[in-house]
Amino acid sequence: MGRFYYGDIEGKFWFGIQSSNDPEFFGLEEEKNEINYYTEDIEKVEEGVNKCLKELKGYKEIIEDYFNDKEGYNEQKMAEELEISNEKLREKLVWFARLELGEKILNYLKEEGNCSLTAEL
């Protein structure tokens, strides 16, 4: 069972990798008692995307290439194929999932000027 986010952008949080509060990393703020997020701060989102890219240095393309050939993944098998430790892989997958969300937010902001979404818990 997965957790989704929806609103101006839509997607699914990575199971066991990505927290429902990951939009906060990009400066989106929770609204009321639900996890509703909103931002107009493109600079904050760009800052978050750039931090993700920095943390993924050398791994972004490797992970993208891995997923281009597969529909799913097993962390142990993926770590073996990429010849990295399970811990290092997990760390990079967290940043990769975060980057995917940040790029969606950034692209929407560039088109519309603001972005909001609701994250399932």
N, C-alpha and C. Protein backbone atom coordinates (compact mmCIF):
# COMPACT_ATOMS: atom_id res chain seq x y z
N MET A 1 0.85 -1.17 0.00
CA MET A 1 0.00 0.00 0.00
C MET A 1 0.90 1.24 0.00
N GLY A 2 0.62 2.16 -0.88
CA GLY A 2 1.44 3.35 -1.00
C GLY A 2 0.73 4.58 -0.49
N ARG A 3 1.50 5.62 -0.35
CA ARG A 3 0.96 6.92 0.03
C ARG A 3 1.14 7.85 -1.15
N PHE A 4 0.10 8.57 -1.46
CA PHE A 4 0.10 9.43 -2.64
C PHE A 4 0.12 10.89 -2.22
N TYR A 5 0.52 11.73 -3.15
CA TYR A 5 0.32 13.17 -3.00
C TYR A 5 -0.43 13.64 -4.24
N TYR A 6 -1.24 14.64 -4.05
CA TYR A 6 -2.06 15.14 -5.14
C TYR A 6 -2.35 16.61 -4.93
N GLY A 7 -2.80 17.25 -5.95
CA GLY A 7 -3.05 18.69 -5.94
C GLY A 7 -2.58 19.23 -7.27
N ASP A 8 -1.72 20.25 -7.24
CA ASP A 8 -1.18 20.81 -8.46
C ASP A 8 -0.25 19.81 -9.16
N ILE A 9 0.40 18.97 -8.37
CA ILE A 9 1.22 17.88 -8.92
C ILE A 9 0.76 16.59 -8.26
N GLU A 10 1.00 15.47 -8.90
CA GLU A 10 0.56 14.19 -8.36
C GLU A 10 1.67 13.17 -8.44
N GLY A 11 1.65 12.23 -7.53
CA GLY A 11 2.63 11.17 -7.55
C GLY A 11 2.46 10.28 -6.33
N LYS A 12 3.40 9.38 -6.19
CA LYS A 12 3.37 8.42 -5.09
C LYS A 12 4.71 8.48 -4.36
N PHE A 13 4.65 8.60 -3.03
CA PHE A 13 5.87 8.56 -2.23
C PHE A 13 6.47 7.17 -2.31
N TRP A 14 7.77 7.09 -2.32
CA TRP A 14 8.47 5.81 -2.40
C TRP A 14 8.25 5.04 -1.10
N PHE A 15 7.75 3.82 -1.20
CA PHE A 15 7.48 2.97 -0.05
C PHE A 15 8.78 2.67 0.70
N GLY A 16 8.78 2.94 1.99
CA GLY A 16 9.92 2.63 2.83
C GLY A 16 11.14 3.52 2.62
N ILE A 17 11.05 4.48 1.70
CA ILE A 17 12.18 5.35 1.38
C ILE A 17 11.85 6.80 1.70
N GLN A 18 10.63 7.21 1.35
CA GLN A 18 10.30 8.64 1.36
C GLN A 18 9.19 8.95 2.35
N SER A 19 9.41 9.94 3.16
CA SER A 19 8.44 10.37 4.16
C SER A 19 7.38 11.27 3.53
N SER A 20 6.19 11.26 4.11
CA SER A 20 5.11 12.12 3.64
C SER A 20 5.40 13.59 3.84
N ASN A 21 6.36 13.91 4.70
CA ASN A 21 6.67 15.32 4.92
C ASN A 21 7.84 15.80 4.06
N ASP A 22 8.22 15.04 3.04
CA ASP A 22 9.33 15.43 2.16
C ASP A 22 9.09 16.78 1.47
N PRO A 23 7.85 17.21 1.19
CA PRO A 23 7.67 18.54 0.60
C PRO A 23 8.25 19.67 1.45
N GLU A 24 8.35 19.46 2.77
CA GLU A 24 8.92 20.48 3.65
C GLU A 24 10.38 20.76 3.30
N PHE A 25 11.09 19.78 2.76
CA PHE A 25 12.49 19.95 2.37
C PHE A 25 12.63 21.06 1.33
N PHE A 26 11.59 21.25 0.51
CA PHE A 26 11.62 22.24 -0.55
C PHE A 26 10.92 23.54 -0.15
N GLY A 27 10.63 23.70 1.14
CA GLY A 27 10.09 24.95 1.62
C GLY A 27 8.58 25.03 1.62
N LEU A 28 7.90 23.96 1.20
CA LEU A 28 6.44 23.97 1.25
C LEU A 28 6.03 23.88 2.71
N GLU A 29 4.96 24.54 3.05
CA GLU A 29 4.52 24.59 4.44
C GLU A 29 3.24 23.82 4.61
N GLU A 30 3.17 23.09 5.73
CA GLU A 30 1.97 22.34 6.07
C GLU A 30 0.85 23.32 6.38
N GLU A 31 -0.35 22.99 5.92
CA GLU A 31 -1.51 23.83 6.19
C GLU A 31 -2.48 23.09 7.10
N LYS A 32 -2.91 23.74 8.17
CA LYS A 32 -3.91 23.26 9.13
C LYS A 32 -3.54 21.90 9.71
N ASN A 33 -4.53 21.03 9.95
CA ASN A 33 -4.30 19.74 10.59
C ASN A 33 -4.03 18.62 9.60
N GLU A 34 -4.08 18.91 8.35
CA GLU A 34 -3.76 17.93 7.33
C GLU A 34 -2.36 18.23 6.82
N ILE A 35 -1.81 17.30 6.07
CA ILE A 35 -0.53 17.61 5.46
C ILE A 35 -0.82 18.17 4.07
N ASN A 36 -1.15 19.45 4.08
CA ASN A 36 -1.35 20.20 2.85
C ASN A 36 -0.16 21.15 2.71
N TYR A 37 0.37 21.23 1.53
CA TYR A 37 1.55 22.06 1.30
C TYR A 37 1.27 23.10 0.23
N TYR A 38 1.97 24.24 0.36
CA TYR A 38 1.81 25.33 -0.60
C TYR A 38 3.11 26.13 -0.65
N THR A 39 3.49 26.57 -1.83
CA THR A 39 4.64 27.48 -1.95
C THR A 39 4.54 28.31 -3.22
N GLU A 40 5.14 29.48 -3.15
CA GLU A 40 5.39 30.32 -4.32
C GLU A 40 6.89 30.61 -4.42
N ASP A 41 7.66 30.06 -3.48
CA ASP A 41 9.08 30.37 -3.33
C ASP A 41 9.95 29.48 -4.23
N ILE A 42 10.08 29.89 -5.47
CA ILE A 42 10.83 29.10 -6.45
C ILE A 42 12.31 28.98 -6.06
N GLU A 43 12.86 30.01 -5.44
CA GLU A 43 14.26 29.97 -5.03
C GLU A 43 14.51 28.88 -3.99
N LYS A 44 13.60 28.73 -3.05
CA LYS A 44 13.73 27.69 -2.01
C LYS A 44 13.66 26.30 -2.64
N VAL A 45 12.78 26.13 -3.61
CA VAL A 45 12.66 24.84 -4.29
C VAL A 45 13.91 24.56 -5.11
N GLU A 46 14.40 25.57 -5.82
CA GLU A 46 15.64 25.40 -6.59
C GLU A 46 16.81 25.03 -5.67
N GLU A 47 16.86 25.66 -4.50
CA GLU A 47 17.89 25.35 -3.51
C GLU A 47 17.81 23.88 -3.09
N GLY A 48 16.60 23.40 -2.85
CA GLY A 48 16.40 22.00 -2.47
C GLY A 48 16.79 21.04 -3.58
N VAL A 49 16.40 21.37 -4.81
CA VAL A 49 16.76 20.53 -5.96
C VAL A 49 18.27 20.48 -6.11
N ASN A 50 18.93 21.61 -5.98
CA ASN A 50 20.39 21.66 -6.10
C ASN A 50 21.08 20.85 -5.00
N LYS A 51 20.53 20.88 -3.79
CA LYS A 51 21.09 20.07 -2.70
C LYS A 51 20.95 18.59 -3.03
N CYS A 52 19.79 18.20 -3.57
CA CYS A 52 19.60 16.80 -3.97
C CYS A 52 20.63 16.39 -5.01
N LEU A 53 20.82 17.25 -6.01
CA LEU A 53 21.78 16.95 -7.07
C LEU A 53 23.19 16.82 -6.51
N LYS A 54 23.53 17.67 -5.54
CA LYS A 54 24.85 17.60 -4.91
C LYS A 54 25.01 16.28 -4.16
N GLU A 55 23.99 15.88 -3.43
CA GLU A 55 24.05 14.63 -2.66
C GLU A 55 24.08 13.41 -3.57
N LEU A 56 23.55 13.54 -4.77
CA LEU A 56 23.52 12.42 -5.73
C LEU A 56 24.71 12.41 -6.68
N LYS A 57 25.60 13.35 -6.53
CA LYS A 57 26.72 13.49 -7.47
C LYS A 57 27.32 12.11 -7.80
N GLY A 58 27.32 11.81 -9.09
CA GLY A 58 27.85 10.55 -9.56
C GLY A 58 26.88 9.38 -9.50
N TYR A 59 25.74 9.55 -8.84
CA TYR A 59 24.79 8.45 -8.69
C TYR A 59 23.47 8.68 -9.43
N LYS A 60 23.11 9.92 -9.71
CA LYS A 60 21.82 10.20 -10.35
C LYS A 60 21.67 9.43 -11.65
N GLU A 61 22.64 9.54 -12.52
CA GLU A 61 22.56 8.88 -13.83
C GLU A 61 22.62 7.36 -13.67
N ILE A 62 23.42 6.88 -12.73
CA ILE A 62 23.52 5.44 -12.49
C ILE A 62 22.17 4.88 -12.06
N ILE A 63 21.51 5.57 -11.14
CA ILE A 63 20.20 5.12 -10.65
C ILE A 63 19.17 5.22 -11.76
N GLU A 64 19.17 6.33 -12.51
CA GLU A 64 18.24 6.47 -13.64
C GLU A 64 18.43 5.34 -14.65
N ASP A 65 19.68 5.05 -14.99
CA ASP A 65 19.96 3.98 -15.94
C ASP A 65 19.46 2.64 -15.42
N TYR A 66 19.64 2.40 -14.13
CA TYR A 66 19.17 1.16 -13.52
C TYR A 66 17.65 1.03 -13.68
N PHE A 67 16.93 2.10 -13.37
CA PHE A 67 15.47 2.05 -13.42
C PHE A 67 14.93 2.05 -14.85
N ASN A 68 15.70 2.54 -15.82
CA ASN A 68 15.25 2.52 -17.21
C ASN A 68 15.03 1.10 -17.72
N ASP A 69 15.75 0.15 -17.17
CA ASP A 69 15.67 -1.23 -17.64
C ASP A 69 14.74 -2.09 -16.79
N LYS A 70 14.17 -1.54 -15.74
CA LYS A 70 13.40 -2.35 -14.79
C LYS A 70 12.08 -1.67 -14.40
N GLU A 71 11.10 -2.49 -14.06
CA GLU A 71 9.81 -1.96 -13.59
C GLU A 71 9.78 -1.83 -12.08
N GLY A 72 10.57 -2.61 -11.38
CA GLY A 72 10.62 -2.56 -9.93
C GLY A 72 12.06 -2.77 -9.49
N TYR A 73 12.26 -2.90 -8.20
CA TYR A 73 13.62 -3.11 -7.72
C TYR A 73 13.61 -3.79 -6.37
N ASN A 74 14.71 -4.42 -6.06
CA ASN A 74 14.99 -5.02 -4.78
C ASN A 74 16.28 -4.36 -4.32
N GLU A 75 16.27 -3.74 -3.15
CA GLU A 75 17.44 -2.98 -2.72
C GLU A 75 18.72 -3.82 -2.66
N GLN A 76 18.61 -5.05 -2.17
CA GLN A 76 19.80 -5.91 -2.06
C GLN A 76 20.37 -6.19 -3.45
N LYS A 77 19.51 -6.57 -4.37
CA LYS A 77 19.96 -6.89 -5.73
C LYS A 77 20.50 -5.64 -6.43
N MET A 78 19.82 -4.52 -6.22
CA MET A 78 20.26 -3.27 -6.83
C MET A 78 21.64 -2.88 -6.31
N ALA A 79 21.85 -2.99 -5.00
CA ALA A 79 23.15 -2.66 -4.41
C ALA A 79 24.24 -3.54 -5.00
N GLU A 80 23.94 -4.83 -5.15
CA GLU A 80 24.92 -5.74 -5.74
C GLU A 80 25.24 -5.36 -7.18
N GLU A 81 24.21 -5.08 -7.97
CA GLU A 81 24.42 -4.72 -9.38
C GLU A 81 25.18 -3.41 -9.52
N LEU A 82 24.92 -2.46 -8.63
CA LEU A 82 25.61 -1.17 -8.70
C LEU A 82 26.94 -1.17 -7.95
N GLU A 83 27.20 -2.29 -7.27
CA GLU A 83 28.44 -2.47 -6.52
C GLU A 83 28.66 -1.39 -5.47
N ILE A 84 27.61 -1.15 -4.69
CA ILE A 84 27.69 -0.22 -3.56
C ILE A 84 27.05 -0.90 -2.35
N SER A 85 27.32 -0.39 -1.18
CA SER A 85 26.74 -0.97 0.04
C SER A 85 25.24 -0.69 0.10
N ASN A 86 24.54 -1.53 0.84
CA ASN A 86 23.09 -1.33 1.03
C ASN A 86 22.82 0.02 1.67
N GLU A 87 23.67 0.41 2.62
CA GLU A 87 23.48 1.68 3.32
C GLU A 87 23.65 2.86 2.37
N LYS A 88 24.68 2.80 1.54
CA LYS A 88 24.93 3.87 0.57
C LYS A 88 23.79 3.95 -0.44
N LEU A 89 23.31 2.79 -0.91
CA LEU A 89 22.21 2.76 -1.85
C LEU A 89 20.97 3.41 -1.23
N ARG A 90 20.64 3.02 -0.02
CA ARG A 90 19.44 3.56 0.64
C ARG A 90 19.54 5.07 0.77
N GLU A 91 20.71 5.56 1.17
CA GLU A 91 20.92 7.01 1.29
C GLU A 91 20.69 7.69 -0.06
N LYS A 92 21.23 7.12 -1.12
CA LYS A 92 21.09 7.73 -2.45
C LYS A 92 19.66 7.64 -2.96
N LEU A 93 18.95 6.56 -2.64
CA LEU A 93 17.55 6.44 -3.06
C LEU A 93 16.67 7.48 -2.38
N VAL A 94 16.98 7.79 -1.11
CA VAL A 94 16.23 8.85 -0.42
C VAL A 94 16.39 10.17 -1.17
N TRP A 95 17.62 10.50 -1.55
CA TRP A 95 17.88 11.74 -2.28
C TRP A 95 17.28 11.69 -3.69
N PHE A 96 17.30 10.52 -4.32
CA PHE A 96 16.74 10.37 -5.66
C PHE A 96 15.23 10.57 -5.64
N ALA A 97 14.55 9.96 -4.68
CA ALA A 97 13.10 10.12 -4.55
C ALA A 97 12.76 11.58 -4.24
N ARG A 98 13.54 12.19 -3.37
CA ARG A 98 13.33 13.59 -3.01
C ARG A 98 13.51 14.49 -4.23
N LEU A 99 14.53 14.22 -5.04
CA LEU A 99 14.78 14.99 -6.25
C LEU A 99 13.60 14.89 -7.21
N GLU A 100 13.06 13.68 -7.36
CA GLU A 100 11.91 13.48 -8.25
C GLU A 100 10.75 14.38 -7.84
N LEU A 101 10.46 14.43 -6.54
CA LEU A 101 9.40 15.29 -6.02
C LEU A 101 9.74 16.76 -6.24
N GLY A 102 10.97 17.15 -5.92
CA GLY A 102 11.39 18.54 -6.06
C GLY A 102 11.31 19.03 -7.50
N GLU A 103 11.69 18.17 -8.45
CA GLU A 103 11.62 18.57 -9.85
C GLU A 103 10.17 18.76 -10.30
N LYS A 104 9.26 17.93 -9.80
CA LYS A 104 7.84 18.12 -10.13
C LYS A 104 7.34 19.46 -9.59
N ILE A 105 7.70 19.75 -8.34
CA ILE A 105 7.30 21.02 -7.73
C ILE A 105 7.87 22.19 -8.52
N LEU A 106 9.16 22.12 -8.83
CA LEU A 106 9.83 23.20 -9.55
C LEU A 106 9.22 23.42 -10.93
N ASN A 107 8.99 22.36 -11.67
CA ASN A 107 8.40 22.49 -13.01
C ASN A 107 7.01 23.13 -12.95
N TYR A 108 6.22 22.73 -11.96
CA TYR A 108 4.88 23.31 -11.82
C TYR A 108 4.97 24.79 -11.43
N LEU A 109 5.88 25.10 -10.52
CA LEU A 109 6.07 26.50 -10.12
C LEU A 109 6.45 27.37 -11.31
N LYS A 110 7.32 26.87 -12.15
CA LYS A 110 7.76 27.63 -13.32
C LYS A 110 6.59 27.91 -14.27
N GLU A 111 5.67 26.96 -14.36
CA GLU A 111 4.51 27.12 -15.25
C GLU A 111 3.40 27.98 -14.64
N GLU A 112 3.15 27.77 -13.34
CA GLU A 112 1.96 28.37 -12.72
C GLU A 112 2.23 29.44 -11.68
N GLY A 113 3.44 29.51 -11.14
CA GLY A 113 3.77 30.54 -10.16
C GLY A 113 3.54 30.14 -8.72
N ASN A 114 2.83 29.04 -8.48
CA ASN A 114 2.64 28.51 -7.13
C ASN A 114 2.34 27.03 -7.25
N CYS A 115 2.48 26.33 -6.15
CA CYS A 115 2.24 24.88 -6.15
C CYS A 115 1.68 24.47 -4.80
N SER A 116 0.65 23.65 -4.83
CA SER A 116 0.11 23.09 -3.59
C SER A 116 -0.13 21.60 -3.81
N LEU A 117 -0.05 20.86 -2.71
CA LEU A 117 -0.34 19.44 -2.77
C LEU A 117 -0.75 18.95 -1.41
N THR A 118 -1.46 17.86 -1.38
CA THR A 118 -1.86 17.20 -0.14
C THR A 118 -1.19 15.85 -0.11
N ALA A 119 -0.53 15.54 0.99
CA ALA A 119 0.17 14.26 1.14
C ALA A 119 -0.61 13.33 2.03
N GLU A 120 -0.79 12.09 1.60
CA GLU A 120 -1.42 11.08 2.43
C GLU A 120 -0.45 10.64 3.52
N LEU A 121 -0.99 10.35 4.68
CA LEU A 121 -0.17 9.82 5.76
C LEU A 121 -0.09 8.33 5.69
